[in-house]
Amino acid sequence: MTTILLIIHLMVAIVLVALVLLQRSEGGALGIGGGGGGLMTGRGAGNALTKATTIVGGLFFVTSLALVLLATRANNGGSILDHVAPAPAGVNQTTVPSVPAPLGSGLDTNKAAAPEAPAAPAAPAAPAEPSVPRAQ
C-alpha cells in the first residue's frame, strides 16, 4: 500500500511542478504585485491551469498526509534503538581500546629500558653590553 501511494505521490508532484511551470508569469518580483487578475477574481478563477494546479496541489497535500499516517502506524511507537542487537556476553563494553603512544613521546611501553631524559638546553649567553633598539 505504501509503495503504491508513494508512486502516486511522485506522479502528482511531477504534474504539480509541470502545471506551475506552464502558467503565465504576471510580472513583479517573486510574484509581488501581480496586477489585477489573481486567484480569487473572476478573471483568474476561469483559468484552467489555475484550477488544475489547485486540484493537483490538494491531491499532493492528501497523499502527503496519507504517507505520514502510514509511516506512523508502521512505526508502532518504538525507537530504532530498540532494534539494536546487544553485545555478546563475553565482551566488556566499558574497555577503552589501546592506542599506541606517539613516537618519541617517552610513553612507548614496548621499550625494555626506561627512556633517557633529554639534555637541558644551554642558557643563552648574556650580551656584553645592553642592547637598545635603534631607530630605522
N, C-alpha and C. Protein backbone atom coordinates (compact mmCIF):
# COMPACT_ATOMS: atom_id res chain seq x y z
N MET A 1 0.82 -1.20 0.00
CA MET A 1 0.00 0.00 0.00
C MET A 1 0.86 1.27 0.00
N THR A 2 1.91 1.24 0.82
CA THR A 2 2.78 2.40 0.92
C THR A 2 3.50 2.64 -0.40
N THR A 3 3.92 1.57 -1.06
CA THR A 3 4.64 1.72 -2.33
C THR A 3 3.74 2.32 -3.40
N ILE A 4 2.50 1.86 -3.46
CA ILE A 4 1.56 2.38 -4.45
C ILE A 4 1.28 3.85 -4.18
N LEU A 5 1.07 4.19 -2.91
CA LEU A 5 0.79 5.58 -2.55
C LEU A 5 2.01 6.47 -2.82
N LEU A 6 3.20 5.93 -2.61
CA LEU A 6 4.41 6.71 -2.88
C LEU A 6 4.58 6.97 -4.38
N ILE A 7 4.25 5.98 -5.21
CA ILE A 7 4.32 6.18 -6.66
C ILE A 7 3.30 7.22 -7.11
N ILE A 8 2.09 7.16 -6.57
CA ILE A 8 1.06 8.16 -6.89
C ILE A 8 1.52 9.54 -6.44
N HIS A 9 2.12 9.61 -5.26
CA HIS A 9 2.60 10.89 -4.73
C HIS A 9 3.67 11.49 -5.64
N LEU A 10 4.59 10.67 -6.12
CA LEU A 10 5.64 11.17 -7.02
C LEU A 10 5.06 11.65 -8.34
N MET A 11 4.08 10.92 -8.88
CA MET A 11 3.45 11.36 -10.13
C MET A 11 2.70 12.67 -9.94
N VAL A 12 2.00 12.82 -8.82
CA VAL A 12 1.29 14.07 -8.52
C VAL A 12 2.28 15.22 -8.38
N ALA A 13 3.43 14.96 -7.76
CA ALA A 13 4.44 16.01 -7.60
C ALA A 13 4.99 16.46 -8.94
N ILE A 14 5.23 15.52 -9.84
CA ILE A 14 5.75 15.88 -11.17
C ILE A 14 4.71 16.68 -11.95
N VAL A 15 3.44 16.28 -11.86
CA VAL A 15 2.38 17.01 -12.56
C VAL A 15 2.23 18.42 -11.96
N LEU A 16 2.34 18.53 -10.65
CA LEU A 16 2.22 19.84 -10.00
C LEU A 16 3.34 20.78 -10.45
N VAL A 17 4.55 20.27 -10.52
CA VAL A 17 5.67 21.10 -10.98
C VAL A 17 5.44 21.53 -12.43
N ALA A 18 4.97 20.60 -13.27
CA ALA A 18 4.72 20.94 -14.68
C ALA A 18 3.63 22.00 -14.80
N LEU A 19 2.56 21.88 -14.01
CA LEU A 19 1.48 22.87 -14.07
C LEU A 19 1.94 24.24 -13.62
N VAL A 20 2.76 24.29 -12.60
CA VAL A 20 3.25 25.58 -12.12
C VAL A 20 4.16 26.22 -13.17
N LEU A 21 4.98 25.41 -13.82
CA LEU A 21 5.88 25.96 -14.83
C LEU A 21 5.15 26.39 -16.10
N LEU A 22 3.99 25.80 -16.39
CA LEU A 22 3.24 26.16 -17.59
C LEU A 22 2.47 27.46 -17.44
N GLN A 23 2.23 27.88 -16.21
CA GLN A 23 1.42 29.08 -16.02
C GLN A 23 2.18 30.33 -16.44
N ARG A 24 1.41 31.31 -16.88
CA ARG A 24 1.97 32.57 -17.35
C ARG A 24 2.38 33.42 -16.16
N SER A 25 3.55 33.98 -16.25
CA SER A 25 4.02 34.88 -15.21
C SER A 25 3.30 36.21 -15.35
N GLU A 26 2.92 36.79 -14.21
CA GLU A 26 2.19 38.05 -14.25
C GLU A 26 3.09 39.22 -13.88
N GLY A 27 4.39 39.03 -13.96
CA GLY A 27 5.32 40.12 -13.68
C GLY A 27 5.50 40.33 -12.19
N GLY A 28 6.32 41.29 -11.87
CA GLY A 28 6.61 41.57 -10.47
C GLY A 28 7.75 40.70 -10.00
N ALA A 29 8.36 41.10 -8.94
CA ALA A 29 9.47 40.35 -8.38
C ALA A 29 8.92 39.30 -7.42
N LEU A 30 9.18 38.06 -7.71
CA LEU A 30 8.75 36.93 -6.89
C LEU A 30 7.25 36.91 -6.69
N GLY A 31 6.49 37.30 -7.68
CA GLY A 31 5.04 37.24 -7.60
C GLY A 31 4.40 38.40 -6.86
N ILE A 32 5.16 39.39 -6.50
CA ILE A 32 4.61 40.53 -5.76
C ILE A 32 4.04 41.53 -6.76
N GLY A 33 2.85 42.00 -6.52
CA GLY A 33 2.24 43.00 -7.39
C GLY A 33 1.89 42.43 -8.74
N GLY A 34 1.18 41.32 -8.76
CA GLY A 34 0.87 40.64 -9.99
C GLY A 34 -0.22 41.26 -10.81
N GLY A 35 -0.68 42.41 -10.52
CA GLY A 35 -1.71 43.04 -11.34
C GLY A 35 -3.10 42.74 -10.81
N GLY A 36 -4.12 42.95 -11.67
CA GLY A 36 -5.49 42.82 -11.22
C GLY A 36 -6.04 41.41 -11.24
N GLY A 37 -5.48 40.49 -11.97
CA GLY A 37 -6.05 39.15 -12.08
C GLY A 37 -5.38 38.18 -11.14
N GLY A 38 -6.03 37.87 -10.04
CA GLY A 38 -5.49 36.92 -9.09
C GLY A 38 -6.33 35.66 -9.05
N LEU A 39 -6.08 34.81 -8.09
CA LEU A 39 -6.79 33.54 -7.97
C LEU A 39 -8.25 33.75 -7.59
N MET A 40 -8.53 34.74 -6.79
CA MET A 40 -9.89 34.92 -6.28
C MET A 40 -10.75 35.85 -7.15
N THR A 41 -10.22 36.35 -8.20
CA THR A 41 -11.01 37.23 -9.06
C THR A 41 -11.71 36.42 -10.13
N GLY A 42 -12.67 37.04 -10.78
CA GLY A 42 -13.42 36.34 -11.83
C GLY A 42 -12.55 35.98 -13.01
N ARG A 43 -11.56 36.81 -13.27
CA ARG A 43 -10.69 36.56 -14.41
C ARG A 43 -9.75 35.38 -14.15
N GLY A 44 -9.25 35.28 -12.90
CA GLY A 44 -8.31 34.21 -12.58
C GLY A 44 -8.99 32.89 -12.29
N ALA A 45 -10.25 32.92 -11.84
CA ALA A 45 -10.93 31.68 -11.48
C ALA A 45 -11.29 30.86 -12.71
N GLY A 46 -11.43 31.48 -13.83
CA GLY A 46 -11.80 30.76 -15.03
C GLY A 46 -10.63 30.10 -15.73
N ASN A 47 -9.44 30.37 -15.30
CA ASN A 47 -8.27 29.83 -15.95
C ASN A 47 -8.15 28.32 -15.65
N ALA A 48 -8.03 27.51 -16.67
CA ALA A 48 -7.98 26.06 -16.49
C ALA A 48 -6.71 25.61 -15.78
N LEU A 49 -5.61 26.27 -16.07
CA LEU A 49 -4.36 25.88 -15.41
C LEU A 49 -4.39 26.18 -13.92
N THR A 50 -5.03 27.28 -13.56
CA THR A 50 -5.12 27.63 -12.15
C THR A 50 -5.97 26.61 -11.40
N LYS A 51 -7.10 26.23 -11.99
CA LYS A 51 -7.96 25.22 -11.36
C LYS A 51 -7.25 23.88 -11.26
N ALA A 52 -6.55 23.49 -12.31
CA ALA A 52 -5.83 22.22 -12.29
C ALA A 52 -4.72 22.23 -11.25
N THR A 53 -4.04 23.36 -11.12
CA THR A 53 -2.97 23.47 -10.13
C THR A 53 -3.54 23.37 -8.72
N THR A 54 -4.70 23.96 -8.48
CA THR A 54 -5.34 23.87 -7.17
C THR A 54 -5.73 22.44 -6.85
N ILE A 55 -6.28 21.75 -7.82
CA ILE A 55 -6.71 20.36 -7.59
C ILE A 55 -5.51 19.45 -7.35
N VAL A 56 -4.49 19.58 -8.18
CA VAL A 56 -3.30 18.74 -8.02
C VAL A 56 -2.56 19.09 -6.73
N GLY A 57 -2.57 20.36 -6.34
CA GLY A 57 -1.98 20.74 -5.06
C GLY A 57 -2.71 20.11 -3.89
N GLY A 58 -4.03 20.05 -3.97
CA GLY A 58 -4.81 19.37 -2.94
C GLY A 58 -4.51 17.88 -2.89
N LEU A 59 -4.38 17.25 -4.07
CA LEU A 59 -4.01 15.84 -4.11
C LEU A 59 -2.63 15.60 -3.50
N PHE A 60 -1.71 16.51 -3.77
CA PHE A 60 -0.37 16.39 -3.20
C PHE A 60 -0.44 16.46 -1.67
N PHE A 61 -1.25 17.37 -1.16
CA PHE A 61 -1.42 17.51 0.29
C PHE A 61 -2.02 16.24 0.89
N VAL A 62 -3.04 15.68 0.24
CA VAL A 62 -3.70 14.48 0.76
C VAL A 62 -2.76 13.28 0.73
N THR A 63 -2.01 13.10 -0.36
CA THR A 63 -1.08 11.98 -0.42
C THR A 63 0.06 12.13 0.59
N SER A 64 0.46 13.37 0.84
CA SER A 64 1.50 13.60 1.86
C SER A 64 1.00 13.19 3.24
N LEU A 65 -0.22 13.59 3.58
CA LEU A 65 -0.78 13.21 4.88
C LEU A 65 -0.98 11.70 4.98
N ALA A 66 -1.41 11.07 3.90
CA ALA A 66 -1.60 9.61 3.92
C ALA A 66 -0.28 8.89 4.12
N LEU A 67 0.77 9.37 3.49
CA LEU A 67 2.08 8.74 3.69
C LEU A 67 2.58 8.90 5.12
N VAL A 68 2.32 10.05 5.72
CA VAL A 68 2.72 10.26 7.11
C VAL A 68 1.94 9.33 8.04
N LEU A 69 0.63 9.19 7.81
CA LEU A 69 -0.17 8.31 8.64
C LEU A 69 0.26 6.85 8.51
N LEU A 70 0.57 6.42 7.30
CA LEU A 70 1.02 5.05 7.11
C LEU A 70 2.38 4.82 7.77
N ALA A 71 3.24 5.81 7.72
CA ALA A 71 4.57 5.66 8.33
C ALA A 71 4.48 5.60 9.86
N THR A 72 3.59 6.38 10.46
CA THR A 72 3.48 6.36 11.91
C THR A 72 2.80 5.08 12.41
N ARG A 73 1.87 4.53 11.64
CA ARG A 73 1.24 3.28 12.05
C ARG A 73 2.21 2.11 11.90
N ALA A 74 3.09 2.15 10.94
CA ALA A 74 4.07 1.08 10.76
C ALA A 74 5.17 1.15 11.80
N ASN A 75 5.35 2.31 12.42
CA ASN A 75 6.41 2.50 13.41
C ASN A 75 6.09 1.80 14.71
N ASN A 76 4.83 1.68 15.09
CA ASN A 76 4.38 1.04 16.33
C ASN A 76 4.94 1.70 17.58
N GLY A 77 5.32 2.94 17.51
CA GLY A 77 5.73 3.68 18.70
C GLY A 77 7.08 3.31 19.26
N GLY A 78 7.82 2.45 18.63
CA GLY A 78 9.12 2.05 19.15
C GLY A 78 10.23 2.95 18.64
N SER A 79 11.38 2.77 19.22
CA SER A 79 12.54 3.53 18.80
C SER A 79 13.44 2.64 17.96
N ILE A 80 14.23 3.24 17.12
CA ILE A 80 15.17 2.46 16.32
C ILE A 80 16.23 1.82 17.21
N LEU A 81 16.49 2.41 18.36
CA LEU A 81 17.47 1.85 19.28
C LEU A 81 16.97 0.59 19.96
N ASP A 82 15.66 0.35 19.93
CA ASP A 82 15.12 -0.88 20.50
C ASP A 82 15.48 -2.09 19.65
N HIS A 83 15.81 -1.88 18.40
CA HIS A 83 16.09 -2.98 17.49
C HIS A 83 17.58 -3.28 17.37
N VAL A 84 18.43 -2.57 18.09
CA VAL A 84 19.87 -2.80 18.03
C VAL A 84 20.19 -4.05 18.83
N ALA A 85 20.98 -4.95 18.25
CA ALA A 85 21.33 -6.19 18.94
C ALA A 85 22.31 -5.89 20.07
N PRO A 86 22.12 -6.52 21.23
CA PRO A 86 23.06 -6.30 22.33
C PRO A 86 24.41 -6.95 22.03
N ALA A 87 25.44 -6.50 22.72
CA ALA A 87 26.78 -7.04 22.53
C ALA A 87 26.84 -8.44 23.12
N PRO A 88 27.72 -9.31 22.59
CA PRO A 88 27.86 -10.66 23.16
C PRO A 88 28.26 -10.59 24.63
N ALA A 89 27.96 -11.65 25.38
CA ALA A 89 28.16 -11.64 26.83
C ALA A 89 29.64 -11.58 27.21
N GLY A 90 30.54 -12.09 26.40
CA GLY A 90 31.96 -12.11 26.74
C GLY A 90 32.68 -10.81 26.47
N VAL A 91 32.02 -9.83 25.88
CA VAL A 91 32.68 -8.57 25.52
C VAL A 91 32.39 -7.53 26.60
N ASN A 92 33.46 -6.92 27.09
CA ASN A 92 33.31 -5.86 28.08
C ASN A 92 33.14 -4.55 27.32
N GLN A 93 32.00 -3.88 27.50
CA GLN A 93 31.71 -2.67 26.73
C GLN A 93 32.39 -1.44 27.29
N THR A 94 32.90 -1.51 28.51
CA THR A 94 33.48 -0.32 29.12
C THR A 94 34.98 -0.20 28.86
N THR A 95 35.59 -1.18 28.21
CA THR A 95 37.02 -1.09 27.97
C THR A 95 37.32 -0.10 26.87
N VAL A 96 38.43 0.56 27.01
CA VAL A 96 38.87 1.52 26.01
C VAL A 96 39.94 0.82 25.17
N PRO A 97 39.83 0.88 23.86
CA PRO A 97 40.86 0.23 23.05
C PRO A 97 42.21 0.89 23.25
N SER A 98 43.26 0.05 23.21
CA SER A 98 44.59 0.61 23.43
C SER A 98 45.06 1.30 22.16
N VAL A 99 45.62 2.49 22.36
CA VAL A 99 46.13 3.28 21.26
C VAL A 99 47.62 3.46 21.50
N PRO A 100 48.45 3.16 20.51
CA PRO A 100 49.89 3.32 20.75
C PRO A 100 50.24 4.79 20.95
N ALA A 101 51.25 5.00 21.78
CA ALA A 101 51.70 6.35 22.06
C ALA A 101 52.45 6.89 20.85
N PRO A 102 52.46 8.21 20.66
CA PRO A 102 53.20 8.79 19.54
C PRO A 102 54.69 8.48 19.66
N LEU A 103 55.36 8.39 18.54
CA LEU A 103 56.79 8.12 18.55
C LEU A 103 57.54 9.26 19.21
N GLY A 104 58.51 8.90 20.02
CA GLY A 104 59.35 9.90 20.67
C GLY A 104 58.70 10.58 21.86
N SER A 105 57.54 10.08 22.31
CA SER A 105 56.87 10.74 23.43
C SER A 105 57.37 10.24 24.77
N GLY A 106 58.14 9.15 24.76
CA GLY A 106 58.62 8.60 26.02
C GLY A 106 57.59 7.73 26.69
N LEU A 107 56.43 7.54 26.07
CA LEU A 107 55.37 6.72 26.66
C LEU A 107 55.25 5.36 25.99
N ASP A 108 56.22 5.02 25.18
CA ASP A 108 56.17 3.76 24.46
C ASP A 108 56.44 2.63 25.45
N THR A 109 55.49 1.74 25.62
CA THR A 109 55.62 0.65 26.60
C THR A 109 56.34 -0.54 26.01
N ASN A 110 56.64 -0.54 24.73
CA ASN A 110 57.31 -1.67 24.11
C ASN A 110 58.82 -1.65 24.35
N LYS A 111 59.36 -0.57 24.83
CA LYS A 111 60.80 -0.48 25.08
C LYS A 111 61.13 -1.25 26.35
N ALA A 112 62.27 -1.90 26.33
CA ALA A 112 62.69 -2.68 27.50
C ALA A 112 63.23 -1.77 28.59
N ALA A 113 63.91 -0.72 28.23
CA ALA A 113 64.52 0.18 29.20
C ALA A 113 63.72 1.47 29.26
N ALA A 114 63.87 2.17 30.37
CA ALA A 114 63.20 3.46 30.53
C ALA A 114 63.84 4.46 29.58
N PRO A 115 63.06 5.40 29.06
CA PRO A 115 63.64 6.38 28.14
C PRO A 115 64.59 7.32 28.86
N GLU A 116 65.57 7.77 28.10
CA GLU A 116 66.54 8.70 28.67
C GLU A 116 65.92 10.10 28.75
N ALA A 117 66.32 10.82 29.78
CA ALA A 117 65.83 12.20 29.94
C ALA A 117 66.58 13.08 28.94
N PRO A 118 65.88 13.97 28.26
CA PRO A 118 66.58 14.83 27.32
C PRO A 118 67.49 15.80 28.05
N ALA A 119 68.57 16.17 27.40
CA ALA A 119 69.53 17.10 28.00
C ALA A 119 68.88 18.47 28.11
N ALA A 120 69.19 19.17 29.19
CA ALA A 120 68.64 20.50 29.41
C ALA A 120 69.26 21.47 28.41
N PRO A 121 68.49 22.35 27.82
CA PRO A 121 69.08 23.29 26.86
C PRO A 121 70.01 24.27 27.56
N ALA A 122 71.06 24.64 26.86
CA ALA A 122 72.03 25.57 27.43
C ALA A 122 71.40 26.96 27.52
N ALA A 123 71.76 27.67 28.59
CA ALA A 123 71.24 29.02 28.79
C ALA A 123 71.91 29.94 27.78
N PRO A 124 71.17 30.91 27.23
CA PRO A 124 71.79 31.82 26.27
C PRO A 124 72.84 32.70 26.95
N ALA A 125 73.89 33.01 26.20
CA ALA A 125 74.95 33.85 26.75
C ALA A 125 74.43 35.27 26.94
N ALA A 126 74.86 35.88 28.04
CA ALA A 126 74.44 37.24 28.34
C ALA A 126 75.15 38.19 27.38
N PRO A 127 74.46 39.22 26.88
CA PRO A 127 75.12 40.15 25.96
C PRO A 127 76.20 40.97 26.69
N ALA A 128 77.23 41.34 25.96
CA ALA A 128 78.32 42.10 26.56
C ALA A 128 77.86 43.49 26.95
N GLU A 129 77.05 44.10 26.20
CA GLU A 129 76.53 45.43 26.53
C GLU A 129 75.01 45.41 26.33
N PRO A 130 74.29 46.24 26.98
CA PRO A 130 72.84 46.23 26.83
C PRO A 130 72.44 46.61 25.40
N SER A 131 71.46 45.91 24.91
CA SER A 131 71.02 46.20 23.54
C SER A 131 69.87 47.19 23.59
N VAL A 132 69.97 48.22 22.79
CA VAL A 132 68.95 49.25 22.72
C VAL A 132 68.40 49.23 21.30
N PRO A 133 67.09 49.25 21.17
CA PRO A 133 66.55 49.25 19.82
C PRO A 133 66.95 50.54 19.10
N ARG A 134 67.32 50.41 17.89
CA ARG A 134 67.74 51.55 17.10
C ARG A 134 66.63 51.99 16.18
N ALA A 135 66.55 53.26 15.94
CA ALA A 135 65.55 53.80 15.03
C ALA A 135 65.94 53.44 13.60
N GLN A 136 65.01 53.18 12.80
CA GLN A 136 65.30 52.80 11.42
C GLN A 136 65.16 53.94 10.48
